[in-house]
Protein backbone atom coordinates (compact mmCIF):
# COMPACT_ATOMS: atom_id res chain seq x y z
CA UNK A 1 26.42 -8.69 -20.42
CA UNK A 2 29.39 -8.74 -17.40
CA UNK A 3 32.48 -10.57 -18.96
CA UNK A 4 34.09 -13.28 -17.48
CA UNK A 5 37.22 -12.45 -14.85
CA UNK A 6 40.34 -13.79 -15.07
CA UNK A 7 40.90 -13.14 -11.51
CA UNK A 8 38.77 -14.37 -8.54
CA UNK A 9 38.60 -12.83 -5.36
CA UNK A 10 38.22 -15.59 -2.70
CA UNK A 11 35.22 -14.10 -0.14
CA UNK A 12 35.69 -14.96 3.74
CA UNK A 13 32.78 -15.80 6.30
CA UNK A 14 30.77 -13.46 8.21
CA UNK A 15 29.12 -14.67 11.38
CA UNK A 16 26.89 -12.55 13.79
CA UNK A 17 26.16 -14.47 17.31
CA UNK A 18 23.52 -12.70 19.38
CA UNK A 19 23.91 -9.15 17.84
CA UNK A 20 21.48 -6.42 19.66
CA UNK A 21 20.89 -2.97 18.50
CA UNK A 22 19.07 -0.68 20.32
CA UNK A 23 18.76 3.67 20.60
CA UNK A 24 17.24 4.19 23.81
CA UNK A 25 13.75 2.36 24.11
CA UNK A 26 13.92 1.62 20.34
CA UNK A 27 15.17 -1.86 19.42
CA UNK A 28 16.00 -2.31 16.29
CA UNK A 29 17.67 -5.73 16.43
CA UNK A 30 16.83 -8.67 18.89
CA UNK A 31 19.30 -10.80 19.51
CA UNK A 32 20.31 -11.78 15.66
CA UNK A 33 22.29 -14.97 14.85
CA UNK A 34 23.97 -15.10 10.91
CA UNK A 35 26.08 -16.68 8.99
CA UNK A 36 27.65 -15.85 5.01
CA UNK A 37 29.34 -18.49 4.18
CA UNK A 38 32.76 -17.64 1.79
CA UNK A 39 31.77 -17.14 -1.29
CA UNK A 40 27.67 -16.97 -0.95
CA UNK A 41 25.85 -14.56 -1.98
CA UNK A 42 23.18 -13.75 0.97
CA UNK A 43 20.15 -11.58 0.72
CA UNK A 44 18.73 -9.59 4.23
CA UNK A 45 15.28 -9.65 2.89
CA UNK A 46 12.21 -7.70 5.03
CA UNK A 47 9.51 -5.02 5.06
CA UNK A 48 10.86 -1.15 5.75
CA UNK A 49 12.13 -0.98 9.67
CA UNK A 50 12.79 -4.78 9.62
CA UNK A 51 16.21 -3.76 10.59
CA UNK A 52 17.56 -5.40 7.72
CA UNK A 53 19.78 -1.64 6.83
CA UNK A 54 21.01 -1.96 10.77
CA UNK A 55 22.50 -5.69 10.08
CA UNK A 56 24.69 -4.79 6.48
CA UNK A 57 25.88 -0.93 8.48
CA UNK A 58 26.74 -3.29 11.79
CA UNK A 59 28.60 -5.87 9.50
CA UNK A 60 30.39 -2.59 7.42
CA UNK A 61 31.16 -1.00 10.63
CA UNK A 62 29.05 1.98 10.09
CA UNK A 63 26.86 1.32 13.54
CA UNK A 64 28.06 -0.41 16.81
CA UNK A 65 26.25 -3.03 17.94
CA UNK A 66 24.75 -2.55 21.71
CA UNK A 67 25.85 -6.69 22.15
CA UNK A 68 27.18 -9.28 20.31
CA UNK A 69 30.03 -9.85 18.16
CA UNK A 70 30.70 -9.52 14.55
CA UNK A 71 33.32 -12.04 13.22
CA UNK A 72 34.68 -11.48 9.90
CA UNK A 73 37.44 -14.78 8.38
CA UNK A 74 36.93 -15.51 12.03
CA UNK A 75 38.58 -12.94 13.33
CA UNK A 76 36.60 -10.68 16.50
CA UNK A 77 36.05 -7.15 14.03
CA UNK A 78 33.19 -5.67 16.61
CA UNK A 79 34.86 -2.78 17.52
CA UNK A 80 36.96 -2.09 14.29
CA UNK A 81 36.75 0.63 12.61
CA UNK A 82 35.25 0.02 8.92
CA UNK A 83 38.71 0.81 7.40
CA UNK A 84 40.16 -2.28 9.17
CA UNK A 85 37.02 -4.36 8.12
CA UNK A 86 38.68 -5.28 4.82
CA UNK A 87 35.38 -5.12 3.17
CA UNK A 88 33.63 -2.64 0.02
CA UNK A 89 30.54 -1.02 0.26
CA UNK A 90 27.92 0.29 -2.60
CA UNK A 91 25.02 2.99 -1.28
CA UNK A 92 21.66 2.89 -2.77
CA UNK A 93 22.62 6.01 -3.82
CA UNK A 94 25.56 5.44 -5.93
CA UNK A 95 27.80 8.48 -3.73
CA UNK A 96 29.35 9.52 -7.14
CA UNK A 97 31.47 12.38 -7.09
CA UNK A 98 29.77 14.48 -10.39
CA UNK A 99 33.24 16.70 -10.83
CA UNK A 100 34.94 13.56 -11.45
CA UNK A 101 35.23 11.38 -14.38
CA UNK A 102 34.10 7.52 -14.71
CA UNK A 103 38.05 6.99 -14.32
CA UNK A 104 38.44 9.12 -11.25
CA UNK A 105 35.73 7.99 -9.32
CA UNK A 106 36.38 4.16 -9.97
CA UNK A 107 40.11 4.91 -9.05
CA UNK A 108 39.16 7.27 -5.45
CA UNK A 109 39.61 4.83 -2.93
CA UNK A 110 42.67 3.56 -4.43
CA UNK A 111 44.06 6.61 -4.46
CA UNK A 112 43.43 7.77 -0.89
CA UNK A 113 45.36 4.47 0.07
CA UNK A 114 48.14 5.76 -2.05
CA UNK A 115 48.02 2.74 -4.39
CA UNK A 116 51.25 2.61 -6.73
CA UNK A 117 50.16 4.63 -10.01
CA UNK A 118 50.99 1.02 -12.29
CA UNK A 119 48.74 -0.80 -10.21
CA UNK A 120 46.09 1.85 -9.96
CA UNK A 121 46.25 2.10 -14.22
CA UNK A 122 46.08 -2.24 -14.38
CA UNK A 123 42.99 -2.79 -12.15
CA UNK A 124 41.30 0.09 -13.74
CA UNK A 125 41.45 -1.26 -17.50
CA UNK A 126 40.78 -4.92 -15.36
CA UNK A 127 37.84 -3.28 -13.85
CA UNK A 128 35.90 -1.25 -16.40
CA UNK A 129 36.65 -4.51 -18.65
CA UNK A 130 34.38 -6.60 -16.67
CA UNK A 131 31.93 -4.32 -16.26
CA UNK A 132 31.91 -2.77 -19.71
CA UNK A 133 32.82 0.35 -19.04
CA UNK A 134 35.95 1.05 -21.07
CA UNK A 135 34.04 3.56 -23.85
CA UNK A 136 33.02 5.75 -20.68
CA UNK A 137 36.14 6.15 -18.52
CA UNK A 138 36.51 10.09 -19.41
CA UNK A 139 33.13 10.81 -19.43
CA UNK A 140 30.98 12.75 -16.27
CA UNK A 141 28.24 11.11 -13.70
CA UNK A 142 25.70 13.06 -15.55
CA UNK A 143 26.42 11.73 -18.99
CA UNK A 144 25.70 7.91 -17.89
CA UNK A 145 22.47 6.35 -17.78
CA UNK A 146 21.29 5.12 -14.68
CA UNK A 147 22.73 1.83 -15.35
CA UNK A 148 25.81 2.61 -16.23
CA UNK A 149 26.15 4.91 -13.16
CA UNK A 150 25.51 1.78 -10.91
CA UNK A 151 28.38 0.26 -12.64
CA UNK A 152 30.75 2.66 -11.86
CA UNK A 153 29.52 2.53 -8.04
CA UNK A 154 30.07 -1.32 -8.58
CA UNK A 155 33.41 -0.80 -10.10
CA UNK A 156 34.67 1.41 -6.91
CA UNK A 157 33.77 -1.52 -5.22
CA UNK A 158 35.19 -4.21 -6.57
CA UNK A 159 38.47 -2.64 -8.21
CA UNK A 160 39.76 -2.44 -4.43
CA UNK A 161 39.68 -6.34 -4.65
CA UNK A 162 38.40 -7.05 -1.36
CA UNK A 163 36.77 -10.62 -0.51
CA UNK A 164 33.55 -8.92 0.48
CA UNK A 165 31.21 -6.35 -0.70
CA UNK A 166 28.07 -5.28 0.58
CA UNK A 167 25.19 -3.47 -1.23
CA UNK A 168 21.96 -1.29 0.70
CA UNK A 169 19.55 -1.45 -2.15
CA UNK A 170 21.46 -0.79 -4.85
CA UNK A 171 18.69 -1.28 -7.26
CA UNK A 172 16.02 0.65 -5.99
CA UNK A 173 16.95 4.38 -8.11
CA UNK A 174 16.26 2.18 -11.48
CA UNK A 175 13.58 1.38 -13.71
CA UNK A 176 11.80 -2.35 -13.49
CA UNK A 177 13.56 -3.27 -16.68
CA UNK A 178 16.66 -2.10 -15.63
CA UNK A 179 16.90 -3.89 -12.71
CA UNK A 180 15.89 -7.30 -14.27
CA UNK A 181 19.23 -6.74 -16.02
CA UNK A 182 21.41 -5.52 -13.65
CA UNK A 183 20.31 -7.83 -10.91
CA UNK A 184 21.47 -10.50 -13.33
CA UNK A 185 25.01 -8.43 -13.72
CA UNK A 186 25.49 -8.52 -9.83
CA UNK A 187 25.07 -12.13 -9.22
CA UNK A 188 27.02 -12.74 -12.63
CA UNK A 189 29.75 -10.47 -11.10
CA UNK A 190 30.01 -11.76 -7.54
CA UNK A 191 30.09 -15.44 -9.25
CA UNK A 192 32.75 -14.52 -11.52
CA UNK A 193 34.44 -12.79 -8.55
CA UNK A 194 33.99 -15.14 -6.20
CA UNK A 195 34.04 -12.65 -3.14
CA UNK A 196 31.12 -13.03 -0.54
CA UNK A 197 27.82 -10.76 -1.11
CA UNK A 198 25.91 -9.39 1.23
CA UNK A 199 23.07 -7.83 -0.21
CA UNK A 200 19.68 -5.73 1.18
CA UNK A 201 16.51 -5.45 -0.48
CA UNK A 202 12.79 -5.20 0.10
CA UNK A 203 11.81 -6.73 -3.08
CA UNK A 204 11.45 -10.49 -2.59
CA UNK A 205 11.86 -10.89 -7.01
CA UNK A 206 15.83 -9.86 -6.12
CA UNK A 207 15.88 -11.90 -3.28
CA UNK A 208 14.91 -15.22 -4.74
CA UNK A 209 16.44 -14.88 -8.40
CA UNK A 210 19.87 -13.81 -6.67
CA UNK A 211 20.46 -15.34 -3.52
CA UNK A 212 22.31 -18.20 -2.57
CA UNK A 213 20.78 -17.65 1.38
CA UNK A 214 17.64 -15.11 1.85
CA UNK A 215 17.57 -14.17 5.14
CA UNK A 216 14.11 -12.77 5.32
CA UNK A 217 13.71 -10.45 8.52
CA UNK A 218 10.51 -9.14 10.86
CA UNK A 219 10.53 -5.83 13.46
CA UNK A 220 14.63 -6.72 13.94
CA UNK A 221 14.62 -10.28 13.88
CA UNK A 222 15.28 -13.20 11.55
CA UNK A 223 11.80 -14.47 10.74
CA UNK A 224 13.78 -17.42 8.19
CA UNK A 225 17.42 -18.16 6.78
CA UNK A 226 17.25 -20.71 3.61
CA UNK A 227 18.17 -21.00 0.07
CA UNK A 228 14.65 -19.18 -2.23
CA UNK A 229 13.23 -22.64 -2.83
CA UNK A 230 13.51 -23.61 0.83
CA UNK A 231 11.92 -20.05 2.02
CA UNK A 232 9.21 -20.87 -1.39
CA UNK A 233 8.16 -24.68 -0.31
CA UNK A 234 8.23 -24.74 3.12
CA UNK A 235 7.86 -21.37 5.13
CA UNK A 236 8.21 -21.15 8.57
CA UNK A 237 5.69 -18.69 9.61
CA UNK A 238 2.29 -16.82 8.60
CA UNK A 239 4.44 -13.61 7.90
CA UNK A 240 7.10 -16.14 5.80
CA UNK A 241 4.18 -17.43 4.04
CA UNK A 242 2.61 -14.39 3.33
CA UNK A 243 5.79 -12.51 2.43
CA UNK A 244 6.67 -14.75 -0.13
CA UNK A 245 5.35 -15.51 -3.62
CA UNK A 246 3.39 -13.53 -6.32
CA UNK A 247 1.05 -13.68 -5.09
CA UNK A 248 1.70 -14.77 -1.84
CA UNK A 249 0.64 -18.54 -0.06
CA UNK A 250 -2.89 -18.50 0.50
CA UNK A 251 -3.83 -18.84 4.42
CA UNK A 252 -7.10 -20.44 4.42
CA UNK A 253 -8.69 -20.76 7.74
CA UNK A 254 -9.71 -24.21 8.75
CA UNK A 255 -12.86 -24.07 10.26
CA UNK A 256 -13.81 -21.66 6.34
CA UNK A 257 -12.65 -25.12 4.80
CA UNK A 258 -15.03 -27.50 6.98
CA UNK A 259 -18.17 -25.12 6.73
CA UNK A 260 -17.11 -25.11 2.61
CA UNK A 261 -17.07 -28.88 2.37
CA UNK A 262 -19.48 -31.63 1.45
CA UNK A 263 -21.86 -32.23 4.46
CA UNK A 264 -20.29 -34.80 6.79
CA UNK A 265 -16.72 -34.54 4.70
CA UNK A 266 -15.38 -31.97 6.26
CA UNK A 267 -13.48 -33.54 8.87
CA UNK A 268 -12.45 -36.57 6.66
CA UNK A 269 -11.51 -33.84 3.94
CA UNK A 270 -8.51 -32.20 6.35
CA UNK A 271 -7.35 -35.80 7.66
CA UNK A 272 -6.68 -36.35 3.89
CA UNK A 273 -4.69 -32.85 3.51
CA UNK A 274 -2.48 -34.03 6.18
CA UNK A 275 -0.55 -37.92 6.78
CA UNK A 276 -0.32 -37.23 10.64
CA UNK A 277 -3.32 -35.82 10.94
CA UNK A 278 -4.85 -38.55 12.85
CA UNK A 279 -6.05 -36.30 15.47
CA UNK A 280 -7.49 -32.74 14.83
CA UNK A 281 -7.85 -32.30 18.64
CA UNK A 282 -5.72 -29.02 18.40
CA UNK A 283 -9.27 -26.75 17.98
CA UNK A 284 -10.26 -25.96 14.00
CA UNK A 285 -10.51 -22.48 14.83
CA UNK A 286 -6.98 -22.28 15.55
CA UNK A 287 -5.84 -23.46 12.23
CA UNK A 288 -4.75 -21.80 8.86
CA UNK A 289 -3.95 -23.76 5.39
CA UNK A 290 -1.67 -23.16 3.52
CA UNK A 291 -1.50 -23.44 0.21
CA UNK A 292 -0.04 -21.79 -2.71
CA UNK A 293 -2.30 -20.35 -5.53
CA UNK A 294 -0.28 -22.24 -8.50
CA UNK A 295 -1.32 -25.69 -6.50
CA UNK A 296 -5.18 -24.79 -6.38
CA UNK A 297 -7.01 -26.73 -9.33
CA UNK A 298 -10.54 -27.88 -10.02
CA UNK A 299 -12.21 -31.20 -10.19
CA UNK A 300 -15.76 -31.75 -10.95
CA UNK A 301 -15.71 -33.84 -7.99
CA UNK A 302 -13.90 -31.81 -5.71
CA UNK A 303 -14.70 -31.89 -1.97
CA UNK A 304 -14.64 -27.71 -1.49
CA UNK A 305 -16.83 -25.32 -3.20
CA UNK A 306 -15.50 -21.45 -3.52
CA UNK A 307 -17.67 -18.64 -4.82
CA UNK A 308 -15.56 -17.11 -7.79
CA UNK A 309 -15.50 -13.00 -6.62
CA UNK A 310 -13.41 -12.10 -9.22
CA UNK A 311 -10.67 -12.92 -12.00
CA UNK A 312 -7.55 -11.32 -13.67
CA UNK A 313 -6.89 -11.99 -17.11
CA UNK A 314 -2.48 -12.13 -17.35
CA UNK A 315 -2.32 -14.08 -20.52
CA UNK A 316 -0.85 -17.12 -20.29
CA UNK A 317 -2.61 -17.41 -16.40
CA UNK A 318 -5.75 -16.29 -15.17
CA UNK A 319 -5.59 -15.11 -11.24
CA UNK A 320 -9.13 -16.45 -9.83
CA UNK A 321 -9.99 -14.40 -6.50
CA UNK A 322 -12.58 -16.70 -4.57
CA UNK A 323 -14.45 -17.22 -1.41
CA UNK A 324 -14.74 -19.78 1.03
CA UNK A 325 -16.29 -18.80 4.06
CA UNK A 326 -14.53 -16.01 5.07
CA UNK A 327 -11.15 -16.29 3.96
CA UNK A 328 -10.40 -15.41 0.41
CA UNK A 329 -7.65 -16.87 -1.84
CA UNK A 330 -6.38 -16.63 -5.00
CA UNK A 331 -5.65 -19.62 -7.75
CA UNK A 332 -3.51 -19.33 -10.32
CA UNK A 333 -5.17 -21.09 -13.33
CA UNK A 334 -4.42 -21.47 -17.24
CA UNK A 335 -5.35 -18.23 -19.08
CA UNK A 336 -8.15 -20.04 -21.10
CA UNK A 337 -9.53 -21.05 -18.95
CA UNK A 338 -13.76 -19.96 -19.03
CA UNK A 339 -15.16 -19.36 -15.85
CA UNK A 340 -17.46 -16.27 -14.85
CA UNK A 341 -18.27 -14.04 -11.47
CA UNK A 342 -20.69 -15.15 -8.96
CA UNK A 343 -19.84 -18.92 -9.92
CA UNK A 344 -19.01 -21.99 -7.44
CA UNK A 345 -16.07 -23.07 -8.15
CA UNK A 346 -14.97 -26.50 -6.70
CA UNK A 347 -11.50 -26.75 -5.82
CA UNK A 348 -9.31 -29.09 -4.83
CA UNK A 349 -5.26 -29.15 -3.83
CA UNK A 350 -3.00 -32.13 -2.62
CA UNK A 351 -1.69 -33.01 0.38
CA UNK A 352 1.90 -32.49 -0.03
CA UNK A 353 1.12 -29.09 -1.59
CA UNK A 354 -0.34 -27.86 2.07
CA UNK A 355 0.87 -25.96 5.16
CA UNK A 356 -0.21 -25.95 8.55
CA UNK A 357 -0.19 -23.15 10.84
CA UNK A 358 -1.26 -21.74 14.13
CA UNK A 359 -3.59 -18.88 13.54
CA UNK A 360 -2.07 -17.44 17.75
CA UNK A 361 1.41 -18.27 16.98
CA UNK A 362 1.61 -17.77 13.48
CA UNK A 363 4.25 -20.37 13.59
CA UNK A 364 3.90 -23.71 11.12
CA UNK A 365 2.68 -26.68 12.99
CA UNK A 366 2.44 -30.95 12.39
CA UNK A 367 -0.99 -32.35 13.31
CA UNK A 368 0.54 -35.67 14.76
């Protein structure tokens, strides 16, 4: 674990206003508005090609925005080079010099900036202590594990004592177990030193466990930004609902629910799933019901009947795949639940756990 530091680095705010990036006819970013509060951890999350790395590179100054502005600490840096933005960056490849020792790799930036040698030494000892690298300063990168190499890359970034640190998928080259431990260490490091962090990943587990703010991107736009709890509990669109969660939120056609309920009870059930659904004038063919797998239960007198297609035993949990009409859904149940494939399962869930979406626009809706 990273040791406690006594030298916090006050973070700075970052703001992107109407930022667009395009190459010819290809539009990578579309009018992005984003705010990163000082000293917070923001994760840019999304599938490949959604624009998250482009956004990070524009903040860093490695790419120029086609339009819009980038501000750091209320200073317009849109046209400034990376060297004048007062930030550090950790790349996916680590970018370590194989012929230099750990100490020389960490100190490289300070030497280029001709920092006094005494200050270099002091910062090196402090950084190595914070990252647990003190015993390895004389080693070459090839003599280190993947996690240790990642710490060296982190050390080179934090030794500069910049108020902003940018990371572009820094853990993607590590195995699953090491990723879990490293993401805790990176989060602890950010909280200890107090700098502002912008972190790019396609892994929702990293985003949910590390971030103060998750910015979920889709095709060059921000689909939703908020705390991990907000993103999980109140997804704004079908895309967000289907991307966040393991397994993700079930999206069930309202028309299938009507068919799966007891005769004459379908509309009554749908109204019961939403306190403001006094009228369901919108065609049920356009409505999707969103429900998390862990919020689905069984009850003998439940209104909905589902056919069990299969099960996945996970020890403490049992993931049950069911069919309601044309809709397939997953229910997360206790691992000791005794059921069999092809059985009919009565399902129930609470109104407060139900979300409604427009299948045409993809947006979350209210039925009042």
